[in-house]
Amino acid sequence: MELVSTVRHDGDGGVLDDLGTVRGADRWLQRQPGLLATATGNLVVDEELRDAVIGVRRAVRALFARVVSPAPPSPADAHRLMPADEALAHLNAAAAQEPVAPQLHWPAQGPPTAGLLSAEADPRVRLVAALARDAVDFLSGPQREQLRACHAPRCVRYFVRSHGRQEWCKPSCGNRARVARHYERTRAADPS
């Protein structure tokens, strides 16, 4: 969800892309400590890495659109979505770039945990593969059924519905939607 949310509205009807520049991509990655932990080593964010991350995001947003269908997808990229079969192939290829082996960690005091041991030396490949694996886990998991596109005016986000009646990603979107509906009703009622 964090990666998909790097496309967001600017508050004025436009769309912002947190990954729009190499510097923006680096700032976003620095705010993802769990993701950076998978890419230990000398990780340098450059145009090639930014493009690879954006490629995974494009694939995930296309697959999110498939999940929410027949409801409309996010308006941010509905007009330029990657075909679902291409998105699936791209996501699987990105996840397969890193050979990993499951590892069991079991401290003397505490429960066992699972992790992955990577055979990949390049931290950039590990990072992109981790993003893709996270998306595979989400799309194949139970939260997928609660995925929705927010259709409040100017919003372009996807969100996981936390209760049965939730229609918007956050309260401010609900407020915007209610104000827009009220405006339309009063405008339709006023014939002048």
N, C-alpha and C. Protein backbone atom coordinates (compact mmCIF):
# COMPACT_ATOMS: atom_id res chain seq x y z
N MET A 1 0.83 -1.19 0.00
CA MET A 1 0.00 0.00 0.00
C MET A 1 0.88 1.26 0.00
N GLU A 2 2.00 1.20 0.68
CA GLU A 2 2.88 2.38 0.72
C GLU A 2 3.37 2.73 -0.68
N LEU A 3 3.76 1.73 -1.45
CA LEU A 3 4.26 2.00 -2.80
C LEU A 3 3.17 2.57 -3.68
N VAL A 4 1.99 2.00 -3.63
CA VAL A 4 0.87 2.46 -4.46
C VAL A 4 0.49 3.88 -4.07
N SER A 5 0.64 4.22 -2.81
CA SER A 5 0.26 5.54 -2.32
C SER A 5 1.28 6.63 -2.64
N THR A 6 2.32 6.29 -3.38
CA THR A 6 3.25 7.33 -3.82
C THR A 6 2.66 8.16 -4.95
N VAL A 7 1.52 7.73 -5.47
CA VAL A 7 0.73 8.54 -6.39
C VAL A 7 -0.42 9.08 -5.56
N ARG A 8 -0.51 10.40 -5.47
CA ARG A 8 -1.54 11.00 -4.61
C ARG A 8 -2.01 12.32 -5.19
N HIS A 9 -3.14 12.81 -4.68
CA HIS A 9 -3.66 14.08 -5.18
C HIS A 9 -2.93 15.23 -4.50
N ASP A 10 -2.88 16.36 -5.19
CA ASP A 10 -2.17 17.51 -4.65
C ASP A 10 -3.08 18.47 -3.90
N GLY A 11 -4.37 18.17 -3.80
CA GLY A 11 -5.32 19.03 -3.13
C GLY A 11 -6.00 20.02 -4.04
N ASP A 12 -5.49 20.16 -5.27
CA ASP A 12 -6.06 21.11 -6.22
C ASP A 12 -6.54 20.43 -7.50
N GLY A 13 -6.74 19.13 -7.46
CA GLY A 13 -7.22 18.42 -8.63
C GLY A 13 -6.11 17.79 -9.46
N GLY A 14 -4.86 18.00 -9.09
CA GLY A 14 -3.74 17.40 -9.81
C GLY A 14 -3.22 16.17 -9.09
N VAL A 15 -2.25 15.53 -9.69
CA VAL A 15 -1.68 14.31 -9.14
C VAL A 15 -0.19 14.55 -8.88
N LEU A 16 0.25 14.14 -7.70
CA LEU A 16 1.67 14.20 -7.34
C LEU A 16 2.25 12.80 -7.38
N ASP A 17 3.51 12.72 -7.75
CA ASP A 17 4.22 11.45 -7.78
C ASP A 17 5.44 11.57 -6.89
N ASP A 18 5.39 10.90 -5.74
CA ASP A 18 6.52 10.95 -4.81
C ASP A 18 7.79 10.35 -5.41
N LEU A 19 7.64 9.55 -6.45
CA LEU A 19 8.79 8.93 -7.11
C LEU A 19 9.13 9.63 -8.42
N GLY A 20 8.64 10.84 -8.59
CA GLY A 20 8.80 11.57 -9.84
C GLY A 20 10.22 11.94 -10.18
N THR A 21 11.08 12.00 -9.19
CA THR A 21 12.49 12.32 -9.40
C THR A 21 13.33 11.32 -8.62
N VAL A 22 14.61 11.27 -8.95
CA VAL A 22 15.52 10.40 -8.20
C VAL A 22 15.56 10.85 -6.74
N ARG A 23 15.60 12.14 -6.51
CA ARG A 23 15.63 12.66 -5.13
C ARG A 23 14.34 12.28 -4.39
N GLY A 24 13.21 12.40 -5.05
CA GLY A 24 11.94 12.01 -4.42
C GLY A 24 11.91 10.53 -4.10
N ALA A 25 12.40 9.70 -5.01
CA ALA A 25 12.45 8.26 -4.78
C ALA A 25 13.36 7.94 -3.59
N ASP A 26 14.49 8.62 -3.51
CA ASP A 26 15.40 8.41 -2.40
C ASP A 26 14.75 8.81 -1.07
N ARG A 27 14.05 9.95 -1.05
CA ARG A 27 13.34 10.38 0.17
C ARG A 27 12.29 9.36 0.58
N TRP A 28 11.52 8.85 -0.39
CA TRP A 28 10.49 7.87 -0.07
C TRP A 28 11.13 6.60 0.50
N LEU A 29 12.18 6.13 -0.14
CA LEU A 29 12.84 4.91 0.34
C LEU A 29 13.41 5.09 1.75
N GLN A 30 13.92 6.26 2.05
CA GLN A 30 14.47 6.51 3.38
C GLN A 30 13.38 6.45 4.45
N ARG A 31 12.13 6.68 4.07
CA ARG A 31 11.01 6.61 5.03
C ARG A 31 10.45 5.19 5.13
N GLN A 32 11.09 4.21 4.50
CA GLN A 32 10.65 2.82 4.53
C GLN A 32 11.73 1.96 5.18
N PRO A 33 11.91 2.06 6.49
CA PRO A 33 13.02 1.35 7.14
C PRO A 33 12.96 -0.16 6.97
N GLY A 34 11.78 -0.75 7.00
CA GLY A 34 11.68 -2.20 6.83
C GLY A 34 12.13 -2.63 5.44
N LEU A 35 11.80 -1.83 4.46
CA LEU A 35 12.21 -2.13 3.08
C LEU A 35 13.71 -1.95 2.92
N LEU A 36 14.25 -0.89 3.49
CA LEU A 36 15.69 -0.66 3.39
C LEU A 36 16.48 -1.76 4.08
N ALA A 37 15.92 -2.37 5.11
CA ALA A 37 16.61 -3.46 5.80
C ALA A 37 16.81 -4.65 4.87
N THR A 38 15.90 -4.84 3.90
CA THR A 38 16.06 -5.96 2.96
C THR A 38 17.15 -5.68 1.94
N ALA A 39 17.50 -4.41 1.78
CA ALA A 39 18.48 -4.02 0.76
C ALA A 39 19.78 -3.57 1.41
N THR A 40 20.22 -4.28 2.44
CA THR A 40 21.45 -3.89 3.11
C THR A 40 22.59 -3.83 2.12
N GLY A 41 23.49 -2.94 2.36
CA GLY A 41 24.61 -2.74 1.45
C GLY A 41 24.62 -1.31 0.97
N ASN A 42 25.40 -1.05 -0.02
CA ASN A 42 25.55 0.30 -0.55
C ASN A 42 24.46 0.56 -1.58
N LEU A 43 23.31 1.01 -1.12
CA LEU A 43 22.18 1.27 -2.00
C LEU A 43 22.25 2.71 -2.50
N VAL A 44 22.42 2.86 -3.80
CA VAL A 44 22.45 4.18 -4.42
C VAL A 44 21.20 4.30 -5.28
N VAL A 45 20.38 5.30 -4.98
CA VAL A 45 19.17 5.52 -5.76
C VAL A 45 19.56 6.35 -6.98
N ASP A 46 19.33 5.77 -8.14
CA ASP A 46 19.59 6.48 -9.39
C ASP A 46 18.39 6.27 -10.31
N GLU A 47 18.49 6.76 -11.52
CA GLU A 47 17.37 6.68 -12.46
C GLU A 47 16.97 5.24 -12.76
N GLU A 48 17.93 4.35 -12.84
CA GLU A 48 17.64 2.94 -13.13
C GLU A 48 16.82 2.30 -12.00
N LEU A 49 17.22 2.55 -10.76
CA LEU A 49 16.47 2.01 -9.63
C LEU A 49 15.09 2.64 -9.55
N ARG A 50 15.02 3.95 -9.74
CA ARG A 50 13.73 4.64 -9.72
C ARG A 50 12.79 4.04 -10.76
N ASP A 51 13.30 3.80 -11.97
CA ASP A 51 12.48 3.20 -13.03
C ASP A 51 12.00 1.80 -12.64
N ALA A 52 12.87 1.03 -12.00
CA ALA A 52 12.49 -0.33 -11.59
C ALA A 52 11.39 -0.29 -10.53
N VAL A 53 11.51 0.63 -9.58
CA VAL A 53 10.49 0.77 -8.53
C VAL A 53 9.17 1.24 -9.14
N ILE A 54 9.25 2.20 -10.06
CA ILE A 54 8.04 2.68 -10.73
C ILE A 54 7.40 1.56 -11.56
N GLY A 55 8.21 0.71 -12.16
CA GLY A 55 7.68 -0.43 -12.92
C GLY A 55 6.86 -1.36 -12.04
N VAL A 56 7.38 -1.63 -10.84
CA VAL A 56 6.62 -2.47 -9.90
C VAL A 56 5.34 -1.75 -9.48
N ARG A 57 5.45 -0.45 -9.22
CA ARG A 57 4.25 0.31 -8.83
C ARG A 57 3.20 0.29 -9.94
N ARG A 58 3.61 0.48 -11.18
CA ARG A 58 2.66 0.46 -12.30
C ARG A 58 1.96 -0.89 -12.38
N ALA A 59 2.72 -1.96 -12.19
CA ALA A 59 2.14 -3.31 -12.24
C ALA A 59 1.15 -3.49 -11.10
N VAL A 60 1.52 -3.06 -9.90
CA VAL A 60 0.64 -3.23 -8.74
C VAL A 60 -0.62 -2.40 -8.91
N ARG A 61 -0.51 -1.17 -9.37
CA ARG A 61 -1.70 -0.32 -9.56
C ARG A 61 -2.63 -0.94 -10.61
N ALA A 62 -2.06 -1.54 -11.65
CA ALA A 62 -2.90 -2.21 -12.65
C ALA A 62 -3.62 -3.41 -12.04
N LEU A 63 -2.92 -4.15 -11.20
CA LEU A 63 -3.56 -5.31 -10.54
C LEU A 63 -4.56 -4.86 -9.48
N PHE A 64 -4.30 -3.76 -8.82
CA PHE A 64 -5.29 -3.20 -7.89
C PHE A 64 -6.56 -2.82 -8.66
N ALA A 65 -6.40 -2.25 -9.84
CA ALA A 65 -7.57 -1.91 -10.66
C ALA A 65 -8.36 -3.17 -11.00
N ARG A 66 -7.66 -4.26 -11.24
CA ARG A 66 -8.34 -5.53 -11.51
C ARG A 66 -9.11 -6.01 -10.29
N VAL A 67 -8.51 -5.83 -9.11
CA VAL A 67 -9.17 -6.26 -7.87
C VAL A 67 -10.46 -5.49 -7.64
N VAL A 68 -10.45 -4.18 -7.82
CA VAL A 68 -11.63 -3.37 -7.50
C VAL A 68 -12.69 -3.43 -8.60
N SER A 69 -12.36 -3.98 -9.75
CA SER A 69 -13.31 -4.10 -10.86
C SER A 69 -14.49 -4.97 -10.42
N PRO A 70 -15.69 -4.66 -10.79
CA PRO A 70 -16.14 -3.76 -11.83
C PRO A 70 -16.25 -2.30 -11.40
N ALA A 71 -15.93 -1.97 -10.14
CA ALA A 71 -15.88 -0.56 -9.76
C ALA A 71 -14.73 0.09 -10.53
N PRO A 72 -14.82 1.38 -10.75
CA PRO A 72 -13.75 2.05 -11.50
C PRO A 72 -12.45 2.09 -10.71
N PRO A 73 -11.31 2.07 -11.41
CA PRO A 73 -10.01 2.17 -10.74
C PRO A 73 -9.74 3.60 -10.31
N SER A 74 -8.62 3.80 -9.67
CA SER A 74 -8.20 5.15 -9.29
C SER A 74 -8.12 6.02 -10.55
N PRO A 75 -8.64 7.23 -10.49
CA PRO A 75 -8.58 8.09 -11.67
C PRO A 75 -7.18 8.59 -12.00
N ALA A 76 -6.20 8.38 -11.12
CA ALA A 76 -4.85 8.86 -11.37
C ALA A 76 -4.24 8.26 -12.62
N ASP A 77 -4.50 6.98 -12.84
CA ASP A 77 -3.87 6.31 -13.97
C ASP A 77 -4.81 5.39 -14.72
N ALA A 78 -6.11 5.58 -14.54
CA ALA A 78 -7.10 4.71 -15.20
C ALA A 78 -6.94 4.73 -16.71
N HIS A 79 -6.50 5.84 -17.25
CA HIS A 79 -6.35 6.00 -18.70
C HIS A 79 -5.07 5.37 -19.25
N ARG A 80 -4.17 4.94 -18.38
CA ARG A 80 -2.90 4.39 -18.86
C ARG A 80 -2.44 3.16 -18.07
N LEU A 81 -3.40 2.36 -17.66
CA LEU A 81 -3.06 1.16 -16.91
C LEU A 81 -2.39 0.12 -17.80
N MET A 82 -1.42 -0.54 -17.23
CA MET A 82 -0.76 -1.68 -17.88
C MET A 82 -1.80 -2.80 -17.99
N PRO A 83 -1.86 -3.52 -19.11
CA PRO A 83 -2.78 -4.67 -19.19
C PRO A 83 -2.50 -5.65 -18.05
N ALA A 84 -3.55 -6.26 -17.53
CA ALA A 84 -3.43 -7.12 -16.34
C ALA A 84 -2.43 -8.26 -16.55
N ASP A 85 -2.44 -8.90 -17.72
CA ASP A 85 -1.50 -10.01 -17.94
C ASP A 85 -0.06 -9.52 -17.98
N GLU A 86 0.17 -8.34 -18.54
CA GLU A 86 1.51 -7.74 -18.55
C GLU A 86 1.93 -7.35 -17.13
N ALA A 87 0.99 -6.81 -16.37
CA ALA A 87 1.28 -6.42 -14.99
C ALA A 87 1.65 -7.64 -14.15
N LEU A 88 0.91 -8.71 -14.32
CA LEU A 88 1.18 -9.95 -13.60
C LEU A 88 2.57 -10.49 -13.94
N ALA A 89 2.89 -10.51 -15.23
CA ALA A 89 4.21 -10.99 -15.66
C ALA A 89 5.32 -10.10 -15.11
N HIS A 90 5.11 -8.78 -15.14
CA HIS A 90 6.13 -7.85 -14.64
C HIS A 90 6.36 -8.05 -13.15
N LEU A 91 5.28 -8.17 -12.38
CA LEU A 91 5.39 -8.35 -10.93
C LEU A 91 6.10 -9.66 -10.59
N ASN A 92 5.70 -10.73 -11.25
CA ASN A 92 6.34 -12.03 -10.99
C ASN A 92 7.81 -12.03 -11.39
N ALA A 93 8.14 -11.38 -12.50
CA ALA A 93 9.54 -11.30 -12.93
C ALA A 93 10.37 -10.51 -11.92
N ALA A 94 9.81 -9.41 -11.41
CA ALA A 94 10.54 -8.61 -10.42
C ALA A 94 10.76 -9.40 -9.14
N ALA A 95 9.75 -10.15 -8.70
CA ALA A 95 9.89 -10.96 -7.49
C ALA A 95 10.90 -12.09 -7.67
N ALA A 96 11.00 -12.60 -8.88
CA ALA A 96 11.89 -13.74 -9.15
C ALA A 96 13.35 -13.33 -9.36
N GLN A 97 13.63 -12.04 -9.38
CA GLN A 97 15.01 -11.59 -9.60
C GLN A 97 15.95 -11.96 -8.45
N GLU A 98 15.38 -12.19 -7.27
CA GLU A 98 16.21 -12.47 -6.10
C GLU A 98 16.01 -13.90 -5.63
N PRO A 99 17.02 -14.73 -5.74
CA PRO A 99 16.89 -16.08 -5.19
C PRO A 99 16.97 -16.01 -3.66
N VAL A 100 15.96 -16.56 -3.01
CA VAL A 100 15.90 -16.54 -1.55
C VAL A 100 15.58 -17.94 -1.02
N ALA A 101 15.96 -18.16 0.22
CA ALA A 101 15.65 -19.41 0.90
C ALA A 101 15.02 -19.06 2.24
N PRO A 102 13.92 -19.75 2.59
CA PRO A 102 13.32 -19.47 3.90
C PRO A 102 14.25 -19.92 5.02
N GLN A 103 14.27 -19.15 6.09
CA GLN A 103 15.11 -19.44 7.25
C GLN A 103 14.25 -19.34 8.50
N LEU A 104 14.45 -20.25 9.41
CA LEU A 104 13.75 -20.23 10.68
C LEU A 104 14.68 -19.64 11.73
N HIS A 105 14.20 -18.64 12.46
CA HIS A 105 14.95 -18.03 13.56
C HIS A 105 14.18 -18.35 14.83
N TRP A 106 14.88 -18.92 15.81
CA TRP A 106 14.20 -19.33 17.03
C TRP A 106 15.10 -19.04 18.22
N PRO A 107 14.92 -17.88 18.83
CA PRO A 107 15.76 -17.55 19.99
C PRO A 107 15.41 -18.43 21.18
N ALA A 108 16.34 -18.55 22.11
CA ALA A 108 16.11 -19.39 23.30
C ALA A 108 14.90 -18.92 24.09
N GLN A 109 14.69 -17.63 24.13
CA GLN A 109 13.55 -17.05 24.84
C GLN A 109 12.64 -16.38 23.80
N GLY A 110 11.58 -17.03 23.43
CA GLY A 110 10.65 -16.41 22.50
C GLY A 110 10.20 -17.34 21.40
N PRO A 111 9.24 -16.90 20.65
CA PRO A 111 8.68 -17.74 19.59
C PRO A 111 9.55 -17.73 18.34
N PRO A 112 9.40 -18.74 17.51
CA PRO A 112 10.15 -18.77 16.26
C PRO A 112 9.59 -17.76 15.26
N THR A 113 10.44 -17.28 14.39
CA THR A 113 10.03 -16.39 13.30
C THR A 113 10.66 -16.87 12.02
N ALA A 114 10.04 -16.52 10.92
CA ALA A 114 10.55 -16.89 9.61
C ALA A 114 11.17 -15.68 8.93
N GLY A 115 12.15 -15.92 8.13
CA GLY A 115 12.80 -14.87 7.36
C GLY A 115 13.28 -15.45 6.05
N LEU A 116 13.85 -14.60 5.23
CA LEU A 116 14.40 -15.05 3.95
C LEU A 116 15.88 -14.75 3.90
N LEU A 117 16.64 -15.70 3.42
CA LEU A 117 18.06 -15.52 3.21
C LEU A 117 18.28 -15.31 1.73
N SER A 118 18.90 -14.21 1.38
CA SER A 118 19.09 -13.87 -0.03
C SER A 118 20.45 -14.34 -0.53
N ALA A 119 20.46 -14.78 -1.77
CA ALA A 119 21.71 -15.13 -2.43
C ALA A 119 22.13 -14.02 -3.39
N GLU A 120 21.40 -12.90 -3.37
CA GLU A 120 21.65 -11.79 -4.28
C GLU A 120 22.58 -10.76 -3.63
N ALA A 121 23.62 -10.37 -4.35
CA ALA A 121 24.59 -9.41 -3.81
C ALA A 121 24.14 -7.96 -4.03
N ASP A 122 23.40 -7.69 -5.08
CA ASP A 122 23.03 -6.33 -5.44
C ASP A 122 21.85 -5.84 -4.59
N PRO A 123 22.05 -4.81 -3.75
CA PRO A 123 20.97 -4.33 -2.90
C PRO A 123 19.80 -3.76 -3.70
N ARG A 124 20.06 -3.28 -4.92
CA ARG A 124 18.98 -2.73 -5.74
C ARG A 124 18.03 -3.83 -6.19
N VAL A 125 18.59 -4.97 -6.57
CA VAL A 125 17.77 -6.11 -6.97
C VAL A 125 16.96 -6.60 -5.77
N ARG A 126 17.61 -6.67 -4.59
CA ARG A 126 16.91 -7.11 -3.38
C ARG A 126 15.75 -6.18 -3.05
N LEU A 127 15.95 -4.87 -3.21
CA LEU A 127 14.91 -3.91 -2.90
C LEU A 127 13.70 -4.06 -3.83
N VAL A 128 13.95 -4.13 -5.13
CA VAL A 128 12.86 -4.26 -6.09
C VAL A 128 12.14 -5.59 -5.90
N ALA A 129 12.89 -6.66 -5.66
CA ALA A 129 12.27 -7.97 -5.43
C ALA A 129 11.43 -7.96 -4.15
N ALA A 130 11.90 -7.27 -3.12
CA ALA A 130 11.13 -7.19 -1.86
C ALA A 130 9.82 -6.44 -2.09
N LEU A 131 9.85 -5.36 -2.86
CA LEU A 131 8.62 -4.64 -3.18
C LEU A 131 7.64 -5.56 -3.91
N ALA A 132 8.16 -6.30 -4.88
CA ALA A 132 7.31 -7.20 -5.66
C ALA A 132 6.75 -8.33 -4.78
N ARG A 133 7.58 -8.91 -3.91
CA ARG A 133 7.11 -9.98 -3.01
C ARG A 133 6.02 -9.47 -2.07
N ASP A 134 6.21 -8.24 -1.56
CA ASP A 134 5.17 -7.66 -0.68
C ASP A 134 3.86 -7.52 -1.44
N ALA A 135 3.93 -7.10 -2.69
CA ALA A 135 2.71 -6.97 -3.49
C ALA A 135 2.08 -8.33 -3.75
N VAL A 136 2.89 -9.34 -4.03
CA VAL A 136 2.38 -10.70 -4.24
C VAL A 136 1.68 -11.17 -2.97
N ASP A 137 2.30 -10.94 -1.82
CA ASP A 137 1.69 -11.35 -0.55
C ASP A 137 0.36 -10.65 -0.34
N PHE A 138 0.30 -9.34 -0.61
CA PHE A 138 -0.95 -8.60 -0.43
C PHE A 138 -2.03 -9.10 -1.39
N LEU A 139 -1.67 -9.21 -2.66
CA LEU A 139 -2.65 -9.59 -3.68
C LEU A 139 -3.14 -11.02 -3.53
N SER A 140 -2.36 -11.87 -2.89
CA SER A 140 -2.79 -13.25 -2.68
C SER A 140 -3.35 -13.47 -1.28
N GLY A 141 -3.40 -12.42 -0.48
CA GLY A 141 -3.85 -12.55 0.90
C GLY A 141 -5.28 -12.09 1.12
N PRO A 142 -5.74 -12.20 2.34
CA PRO A 142 -7.14 -11.89 2.66
C PRO A 142 -7.50 -10.41 2.56
N GLN A 143 -6.53 -9.51 2.71
CA GLN A 143 -6.85 -8.08 2.63
C GLN A 143 -7.27 -7.65 1.23
N ARG A 144 -6.88 -8.42 0.24
CA ARG A 144 -7.23 -8.09 -1.15
C ARG A 144 -8.74 -7.88 -1.29
N GLU A 145 -9.52 -8.68 -0.58
CA GLU A 145 -10.98 -8.59 -0.69
C GLU A 145 -11.53 -7.26 -0.18
N GLN A 146 -10.77 -6.58 0.65
CA GLN A 146 -11.22 -5.29 1.19
C GLN A 146 -10.62 -4.09 0.46
N LEU A 147 -9.88 -4.32 -0.60
CA LEU A 147 -9.26 -3.24 -1.36
C LEU A 147 -10.31 -2.44 -2.11
N ARG A 148 -10.21 -1.12 -2.04
CA ARG A 148 -11.13 -0.23 -2.74
C ARG A 148 -10.35 0.94 -3.32
N ALA A 149 -10.91 1.56 -4.34
CA ALA A 149 -10.39 2.83 -4.87
C ALA A 149 -11.24 3.93 -4.26
N CYS A 150 -10.61 4.97 -3.76
CA CYS A 150 -11.34 6.09 -3.18
C CYS A 150 -11.85 6.96 -4.32
N HIS A 151 -13.13 7.26 -4.29
CA HIS A 151 -13.72 8.06 -5.36
C HIS A 151 -14.22 9.40 -4.87
N ALA A 152 -13.61 9.90 -3.81
CA ALA A 152 -13.90 11.26 -3.39
C ALA A 152 -13.32 12.21 -4.45
N PRO A 153 -13.90 13.39 -4.59
CA PRO A 153 -13.35 14.34 -5.57
C PRO A 153 -11.85 14.56 -5.35
N ARG A 154 -11.11 14.47 -6.41
CA ARG A 154 -9.66 14.73 -6.45
C ARG A 154 -8.81 13.64 -5.80
N CYS A 155 -9.39 12.59 -5.25
CA CYS A 155 -8.59 11.55 -4.62
C CYS A 155 -8.21 10.49 -5.64
N VAL A 156 -7.00 9.95 -5.50
CA VAL A 156 -6.49 8.95 -6.43
C VAL A 156 -5.95 7.72 -5.70
N ARG A 157 -6.30 7.59 -4.42
CA ARG A 157 -5.72 6.53 -3.60
C ARG A 157 -6.53 5.25 -3.63
N TYR A 158 -5.84 4.15 -3.36
CA TYR A 158 -6.47 2.88 -3.03
C TYR A 158 -6.37 2.74 -1.52
N PHE A 159 -7.28 1.99 -0.92
CA PHE A 159 -7.25 1.78 0.52
C PHE A 159 -7.85 0.43 0.84
N VAL A 160 -7.52 -0.07 2.02
CA VAL A 160 -8.10 -1.31 2.53
C VAL A 160 -9.24 -0.91 3.46
N ARG A 161 -10.43 -1.33 3.10
CA ARG A 161 -11.62 -1.00 3.88
C ARG A 161 -11.52 -1.67 5.26
N SER A 162 -11.67 -0.85 6.30
CA SER A 162 -11.53 -1.39 7.65
C SER A 162 -12.87 -1.75 8.29
N HIS A 163 -13.97 -1.28 7.70
CA HIS A 163 -15.30 -1.68 8.17
C HIS A 163 -16.26 -1.67 6.98
N GLY A 164 -17.37 -2.34 7.13
CA GLY A 164 -18.28 -2.59 6.02
C GLY A 164 -18.84 -1.39 5.31
N ARG A 165 -18.97 -0.27 5.98
CA ARG A 165 -19.59 0.90 5.36
C ARG A 165 -18.58 1.94 4.89
N GLN A 166 -17.30 1.67 5.02
CA GLN A 166 -16.28 2.65 4.65
C GLN A 166 -16.27 2.84 3.13
N GLU A 167 -16.40 4.09 2.70
CA GLU A 167 -16.42 4.42 1.28
C GLU A 167 -15.20 5.19 0.82
N TRP A 168 -14.47 5.82 1.76
CA TRP A 168 -13.35 6.69 1.39
C TRP A 168 -12.10 6.30 2.15
N CYS A 169 -10.96 6.73 1.64
CA CYS A 169 -9.69 6.35 2.25
C CYS A 169 -9.45 7.03 3.59
N LYS A 170 -9.98 8.24 3.77
CA LYS A 170 -9.79 8.95 5.03
C LYS A 170 -10.95 9.92 5.24
N PRO A 171 -11.15 10.39 6.45
CA PRO A 171 -12.29 11.26 6.73
C PRO A 171 -12.34 12.52 5.87
N SER A 172 -11.21 13.12 5.56
CA SER A 172 -11.23 14.34 4.74
C SER A 172 -11.80 14.06 3.35
N CYS A 173 -11.58 12.87 2.82
CA CYS A 173 -12.16 12.51 1.52
C CYS A 173 -13.67 12.36 1.65
N GLY A 174 -14.13 11.79 2.76
CA GLY A 174 -15.57 11.69 2.99
C GLY A 174 -16.21 13.07 3.08
N ASN A 175 -15.54 13.98 3.75
CA ASN A 175 -16.05 15.35 3.84
C ASN A 175 -16.13 16.00 2.46
N ARG A 176 -15.10 15.84 1.65
CA ARG A 176 -15.11 16.41 0.29
C ARG A 176 -16.23 15.82 -0.54
N ALA A 177 -16.46 14.52 -0.41
CA ALA A 177 -17.52 13.86 -1.18
C ALA A 177 -18.89 14.37 -0.75
N ARG A 178 -19.10 14.52 0.56
CA ARG A 178 -20.39 15.02 1.03
C ARG A 178 -20.62 16.47 0.60
N VAL A 179 -19.60 17.30 0.65
CA VAL A 179 -19.72 18.70 0.21
C VAL A 179 -20.04 18.74 -1.28
N ALA A 180 -19.38 17.92 -2.06
CA ALA A 180 -19.63 17.90 -3.52
C ALA A 180 -21.06 17.45 -3.81
N ARG A 181 -21.55 16.42 -3.09
CA ARG A 181 -22.94 15.98 -3.29
C ARG A 181 -23.92 17.08 -2.91
N HIS A 182 -23.65 17.77 -1.80
CA HIS A 182 -24.52 18.86 -1.37
C HIS A 182 -24.53 19.98 -2.42
N TYR A 183 -23.38 20.31 -2.92
CA TYR A 183 -23.28 21.35 -3.95
C TYR A 183 -24.09 20.97 -5.20
N GLU A 184 -23.97 19.71 -5.62
CA GLU A 184 -24.72 19.25 -6.80
C GLU A 184 -26.22 19.28 -6.56
N ARG A 185 -26.65 18.87 -5.36
CA ARG A 185 -28.09 18.89 -5.04
C ARG A 185 -28.63 20.31 -5.03
N THR A 186 -27.91 21.23 -4.40
CA THR A 186 -28.41 22.61 -4.34
C THR A 186 -28.36 23.28 -5.71
N ARG A 187 -27.38 22.95 -6.51
CA ARG A 187 -27.29 23.51 -7.87
C ARG A 187 -28.42 22.97 -8.74
N ALA A 188 -28.75 21.68 -8.58
CA ALA A 188 -29.84 21.08 -9.36
C ALA A 188 -31.19 21.63 -8.92
N ALA A 189 -31.32 21.98 -7.65
CA ALA A 189 -32.58 22.50 -7.13
C ALA A 189 -32.81 23.97 -7.51
N ASP A 190 -31.75 24.69 -7.81
CA ASP A 190 -31.84 26.12 -8.15
C ASP A 190 -31.87 26.26 -9.68
N PRO A 191 -33.04 26.55 -10.27
CA PRO A 191 -33.16 26.59 -11.73
C PRO A 191 -32.52 27.82 -12.36
N SER A 192 -32.08 28.78 -11.62
CA SER A 192 -31.54 30.01 -12.24
C SER A 192 -30.19 29.87 -12.81
